[in-house]
N, C-alpha and C. Protein backbone atom coordinates (compact mmCIF):
# COMPACT_ATOMS: atom_id res chain seq x y z
N UNK A 1 0.82 -1.19 0.00
CA UNK A 1 0.00 0.00 0.00
C UNK A 1 0.86 1.25 0.00
N UNK A 2 0.46 2.20 -0.80
CA UNK A 2 1.08 3.52 -0.80
C UNK A 2 0.13 4.47 -0.07
N UNK A 3 0.68 5.32 0.76
CA UNK A 3 -0.14 6.30 1.47
C UNK A 3 0.18 7.68 0.90
N UNK A 4 -0.85 8.39 0.51
CA UNK A 4 -0.71 9.73 -0.04
C UNK A 4 -0.32 10.69 1.08
N UNK A 5 0.72 11.48 0.86
CA UNK A 5 1.16 12.43 1.88
C UNK A 5 0.25 13.66 1.95
N UNK A 6 -0.59 13.86 0.96
CA UNK A 6 -1.48 15.02 0.96
C UNK A 6 -2.79 14.74 1.68
N UNK A 7 -3.42 13.60 1.42
CA UNK A 7 -4.73 13.32 2.01
C UNK A 7 -4.74 12.08 2.91
N UNK A 8 -3.60 11.38 2.98
CA UNK A 8 -3.41 10.20 3.83
C UNK A 8 -4.28 9.01 3.42
N UNK A 9 -4.69 8.98 2.18
CA UNK A 9 -5.48 7.88 1.65
C UNK A 9 -4.55 6.72 1.26
N UNK A 10 -4.94 5.49 1.57
CA UNK A 10 -4.18 4.31 1.17
C UNK A 10 -4.53 3.93 -0.26
N UNK A 11 -3.50 3.67 -1.04
CA UNK A 11 -3.66 3.32 -2.45
C UNK A 11 -2.90 2.04 -2.75
N UNK A 12 -3.34 1.26 -3.74
CA UNK A 12 -2.59 0.05 -4.11
C UNK A 12 -1.20 0.38 -4.63
N UNK A 13 -0.29 -0.58 -4.54
CA UNK A 13 1.08 -0.39 -5.02
C UNK A 13 1.13 -0.01 -6.49
N UNK A 14 0.18 -0.45 -7.26
CA UNK A 14 0.19 -0.21 -8.70
C UNK A 14 -0.34 1.17 -9.08
N UNK A 15 -0.91 1.91 -8.13
CA UNK A 15 -1.49 3.23 -8.43
C UNK A 15 -0.39 4.24 -8.69
N UNK A 16 -0.60 5.09 -9.67
CA UNK A 16 0.30 6.18 -9.98
C UNK A 16 -0.22 7.48 -9.36
N UNK A 17 -1.53 7.60 -9.29
CA UNK A 17 -2.17 8.78 -8.73
C UNK A 17 -3.08 8.37 -7.59
N UNK A 18 -3.20 9.23 -6.59
CA UNK A 18 -4.05 8.95 -5.44
C UNK A 18 -5.50 8.83 -5.89
N UNK A 19 -6.16 7.80 -5.43
CA UNK A 19 -7.57 7.57 -5.79
C UNK A 19 -8.48 8.62 -5.17
N UNK A 20 -8.02 9.29 -4.12
CA UNK A 20 -8.86 10.25 -3.41
C UNK A 20 -8.64 11.69 -3.91
N UNK A 21 -7.38 12.14 -3.95
CA UNK A 21 -7.11 13.54 -4.29
C UNK A 21 -6.36 13.71 -5.61
N UNK A 22 -6.01 12.62 -6.27
CA UNK A 22 -5.34 12.60 -7.57
C UNK A 22 -3.91 13.14 -7.54
N UNK A 23 -3.28 13.16 -6.36
CA UNK A 23 -1.87 13.57 -6.28
C UNK A 23 -1.00 12.51 -6.94
N UNK A 24 0.09 12.94 -7.55
CA UNK A 24 1.03 12.03 -8.19
C UNK A 24 1.81 11.29 -7.10
N UNK A 25 1.57 10.01 -6.93
CA UNK A 25 2.19 9.23 -5.87
C UNK A 25 3.68 9.01 -6.08
N UNK A 26 4.17 9.23 -7.30
CA UNK A 26 5.61 9.14 -7.54
C UNK A 26 6.35 10.25 -6.81
N UNK A 27 5.63 11.33 -6.50
CA UNK A 27 6.22 12.47 -5.79
C UNK A 27 5.60 12.71 -4.42
N UNK A 28 4.38 12.25 -4.19
CA UNK A 28 3.67 12.61 -2.98
C UNK A 28 3.22 11.43 -2.12
N UNK A 29 3.77 10.24 -2.35
CA UNK A 29 3.50 9.16 -1.39
C UNK A 29 4.41 9.40 -0.19
N UNK A 30 4.07 8.83 0.95
CA UNK A 30 4.91 8.98 2.15
C UNK A 30 6.32 8.46 1.87
N UNK A 31 6.43 7.39 1.11
CA UNK A 31 7.73 6.81 0.80
C UNK A 31 8.55 7.74 -0.10
N UNK A 32 7.92 8.34 -1.09
CA UNK A 32 8.61 9.26 -1.99
C UNK A 32 9.10 10.49 -1.24
N UNK A 33 8.28 11.00 -0.33
CA UNK A 33 8.66 12.17 0.47
C UNK A 33 9.85 11.81 1.36
N UNK A 34 9.83 10.62 1.97
CA UNK A 34 10.94 10.19 2.82
C UNK A 34 12.24 10.13 2.03
N UNK A 35 12.19 9.58 0.82
CA UNK A 35 13.38 9.51 -0.01
C UNK A 35 13.89 10.90 -0.39
N UNK A 36 12.99 11.79 -0.74
CA UNK A 36 13.38 13.16 -1.10
C UNK A 36 14.10 13.84 0.07
N UNK A 37 13.59 13.64 1.27
CA UNK A 37 14.22 14.25 2.45
C UNK A 37 15.61 13.66 2.68
N UNK A 38 15.75 12.36 2.50
CA UNK A 38 17.05 11.72 2.67
C UNK A 38 18.04 12.22 1.63
N UNK A 39 17.58 12.40 0.41
CA UNK A 39 18.47 12.86 -0.66
C UNK A 39 18.94 14.29 -0.43
N UNK A 40 18.14 15.11 0.24
CA UNK A 40 18.51 16.49 0.52
C UNK A 40 19.37 16.64 1.77
N UNK A 41 19.38 15.65 2.62
CA UNK A 41 20.11 15.74 3.89
C UNK A 41 21.60 15.48 3.66
N UNK A 42 22.46 16.45 3.93
CA UNK A 42 23.89 16.26 3.67
C UNK A 42 24.56 15.26 4.62
N UNK A 43 23.95 14.96 5.75
CA UNK A 43 24.54 14.00 6.68
C UNK A 43 24.31 12.56 6.23
N UNK A 44 23.35 12.35 5.36
CA UNK A 44 23.06 11.00 4.87
C UNK A 44 23.93 10.72 3.67
N UNK A 45 24.73 9.68 3.77
CA UNK A 45 25.69 9.33 2.72
C UNK A 45 25.08 8.36 1.71
N UNK A 46 24.37 7.35 2.21
CA UNK A 46 23.75 6.31 1.38
C UNK A 46 22.33 6.06 1.87
N UNK A 47 21.56 5.36 1.05
CA UNK A 47 20.21 4.94 1.43
C UNK A 47 20.16 3.43 1.29
N UNK A 48 19.73 2.77 2.35
CA UNK A 48 19.60 1.31 2.36
C UNK A 48 18.13 0.96 2.15
N UNK A 49 17.90 -0.04 1.32
CA UNK A 49 16.55 -0.60 1.19
C UNK A 49 16.52 -1.88 2.00
N UNK A 50 15.65 -1.90 3.00
CA UNK A 50 15.50 -3.11 3.80
C UNK A 50 14.18 -3.77 3.43
N UNK A 51 14.16 -5.09 3.52
CA UNK A 51 12.98 -5.86 3.14
C UNK A 51 12.55 -6.76 4.28
N UNK A 52 11.32 -7.17 4.25
CA UNK A 52 10.79 -8.09 5.26
C UNK A 52 11.41 -9.47 5.08
N UNK A 53 11.41 -10.25 6.16
CA UNK A 53 12.03 -11.59 6.10
C UNK A 53 11.34 -12.51 5.09
N UNK A 54 10.07 -12.24 4.80
CA UNK A 54 9.34 -13.08 3.86
C UNK A 54 9.03 -12.34 2.55
N UNK A 55 9.93 -11.46 2.16
CA UNK A 55 9.72 -10.65 0.95
C UNK A 55 9.72 -11.51 -0.31
N UNK A 56 9.09 -10.98 -1.33
CA UNK A 56 9.04 -11.69 -2.62
C UNK A 56 10.40 -11.59 -3.31
N UNK A 57 10.63 -12.37 -4.37
CA UNK A 57 11.91 -12.33 -5.08
C UNK A 57 12.25 -10.95 -5.65
N UNK A 58 11.26 -10.21 -6.14
CA UNK A 58 11.54 -8.88 -6.71
C UNK A 58 12.07 -7.94 -5.64
N UNK A 59 11.50 -8.00 -4.45
CA UNK A 59 11.96 -7.14 -3.35
C UNK A 59 13.32 -7.60 -2.84
N UNK A 60 13.53 -8.89 -2.74
CA UNK A 60 14.83 -9.40 -2.28
C UNK A 60 15.95 -8.94 -3.22
N UNK A 61 15.63 -8.79 -4.49
CA UNK A 61 16.63 -8.39 -5.47
C UNK A 61 17.11 -6.95 -5.26
N UNK A 62 16.24 -6.06 -4.76
CA UNK A 62 16.64 -4.65 -4.59
C UNK A 62 17.21 -4.36 -3.20
N UNK A 63 17.16 -5.34 -2.32
CA UNK A 63 17.70 -5.13 -0.97
C UNK A 63 19.17 -4.77 -1.06
N UNK A 64 19.57 -3.73 -0.32
CA UNK A 64 20.97 -3.33 -0.32
C UNK A 64 21.14 -1.85 -0.07
N UNK A 65 22.37 -1.39 -0.21
CA UNK A 65 22.73 0.00 0.04
C UNK A 65 23.08 0.68 -1.27
N UNK A 66 22.56 1.88 -1.46
CA UNK A 66 22.72 2.61 -2.72
C UNK A 66 23.20 4.03 -2.43
N UNK A 67 23.86 4.63 -3.42
CA UNK A 67 24.14 6.06 -3.32
C UNK A 67 22.79 6.78 -3.40
N UNK A 68 22.74 7.99 -2.87
CA UNK A 68 21.46 8.72 -2.84
C UNK A 68 20.92 8.99 -4.23
N UNK A 69 21.79 9.06 -5.21
CA UNK A 69 21.36 9.36 -6.58
C UNK A 69 20.88 8.12 -7.32
N UNK A 70 21.23 6.93 -6.85
CA UNK A 70 20.93 5.71 -7.59
C UNK A 70 19.95 4.78 -6.90
N UNK A 71 19.35 5.21 -5.80
CA UNK A 71 18.45 4.34 -5.06
C UNK A 71 17.15 4.11 -5.87
N UNK A 72 16.70 2.86 -5.98
CA UNK A 72 15.45 2.58 -6.70
C UNK A 72 14.23 3.14 -5.97
N UNK A 73 13.20 3.42 -6.71
CA UNK A 73 11.97 3.92 -6.11
C UNK A 73 11.16 2.76 -5.53
N UNK A 74 10.39 3.08 -4.51
CA UNK A 74 9.48 2.12 -3.89
C UNK A 74 8.06 2.61 -4.13
N UNK A 75 7.09 1.70 -4.25
CA UNK A 75 7.16 0.26 -4.12
C UNK A 75 7.88 -0.39 -5.30
N UNK A 76 8.42 -1.56 -5.05
CA UNK A 76 9.17 -2.29 -6.06
C UNK A 76 8.21 -2.76 -7.15
N UNK A 77 8.55 -2.41 -8.38
CA UNK A 77 7.73 -2.88 -9.51
C UNK A 77 7.87 -4.39 -9.61
N UNK A 78 6.76 -5.07 -9.72
CA UNK A 78 6.78 -6.51 -9.83
C UNK A 78 6.68 -7.23 -8.50
N UNK A 79 6.48 -6.50 -7.41
CA UNK A 79 6.31 -7.14 -6.10
C UNK A 79 5.10 -8.06 -6.16
N UNK A 80 5.29 -9.28 -5.68
CA UNK A 80 4.21 -10.26 -5.75
C UNK A 80 3.72 -10.71 -4.38
N UNK A 81 4.12 -10.03 -3.32
CA UNK A 81 3.69 -10.42 -1.98
C UNK A 81 2.21 -10.07 -1.80
N UNK A 82 1.48 -10.91 -1.12
CA UNK A 82 0.05 -10.71 -0.92
C UNK A 82 -0.30 -9.42 -0.20
N UNK A 83 0.58 -8.94 0.65
CA UNK A 83 0.34 -7.69 1.37
C UNK A 83 0.90 -6.48 0.65
N UNK A 84 1.52 -6.68 -0.49
CA UNK A 84 2.12 -5.60 -1.25
C UNK A 84 3.56 -5.36 -0.81
N UNK A 85 4.17 -4.38 -1.39
CA UNK A 85 5.57 -4.07 -1.12
C UNK A 85 5.71 -3.51 0.29
N UNK A 86 6.57 -4.13 1.06
CA UNK A 86 6.81 -3.68 2.44
C UNK A 86 8.26 -3.25 2.63
N UNK A 87 8.92 -2.91 1.55
CA UNK A 87 10.30 -2.42 1.62
C UNK A 87 10.31 -1.03 2.25
N UNK A 88 11.46 -0.69 2.85
CA UNK A 88 11.60 0.61 3.49
C UNK A 88 12.96 1.20 3.16
N UNK A 89 13.01 2.52 3.13
CA UNK A 89 14.26 3.24 3.02
C UNK A 89 14.83 3.45 4.42
N UNK A 90 16.14 3.30 4.55
CA UNK A 90 16.82 3.59 5.81
C UNK A 90 18.04 4.45 5.48
N UNK A 91 18.26 5.52 6.25
CA UNK A 91 19.42 6.37 5.99
C UNK A 91 20.70 5.73 6.53
N UNK A 92 21.79 5.95 5.82
CA UNK A 92 23.12 5.57 6.29
C UNK A 92 23.87 6.89 6.46
N UNK A 93 24.17 7.23 7.73
CA UNK A 93 24.73 8.53 8.04
C UNK A 93 26.24 8.57 7.85
N UNK A 94 26.71 9.74 7.43
CA UNK A 94 28.14 10.00 7.31
C UNK A 94 28.74 10.07 8.71
N UNK A 95 28.06 10.77 9.60
CA UNK A 95 28.50 10.89 10.99
C UNK A 95 27.27 10.93 11.86
N UNK A 96 27.38 10.43 13.06
CA UNK A 96 26.22 10.38 13.95
C UNK A 96 26.06 11.68 14.72
N UNK A 97 27.14 12.25 15.18
CA UNK A 97 27.06 13.48 15.97
C UNK A 97 27.75 14.62 15.21
N UNK A 98 27.22 15.86 15.39
CA UNK A 98 27.85 17.00 14.71
C UNK A 98 29.23 17.32 15.24
């Protein structure tokens, strides 16, 4: 499920636009907003994609650490899990304390 950051409506992984407010989920899903914030944060060096222990093969394939410019978008295209894509972005910090 994708959650729209504008109206908080839950949408299927395959949706491109929010079913409620028609926002572009490629830019305005909670996951897309989280990635944008990580990419703008200078303390974050890399972005890790973590997957559930029972993830589908498509999600298992994208698991790993990426540069901020090369991280794949979520939800994973081709995810076949019954609950949908449950992958998450995690920041990898350059330094923990200022």
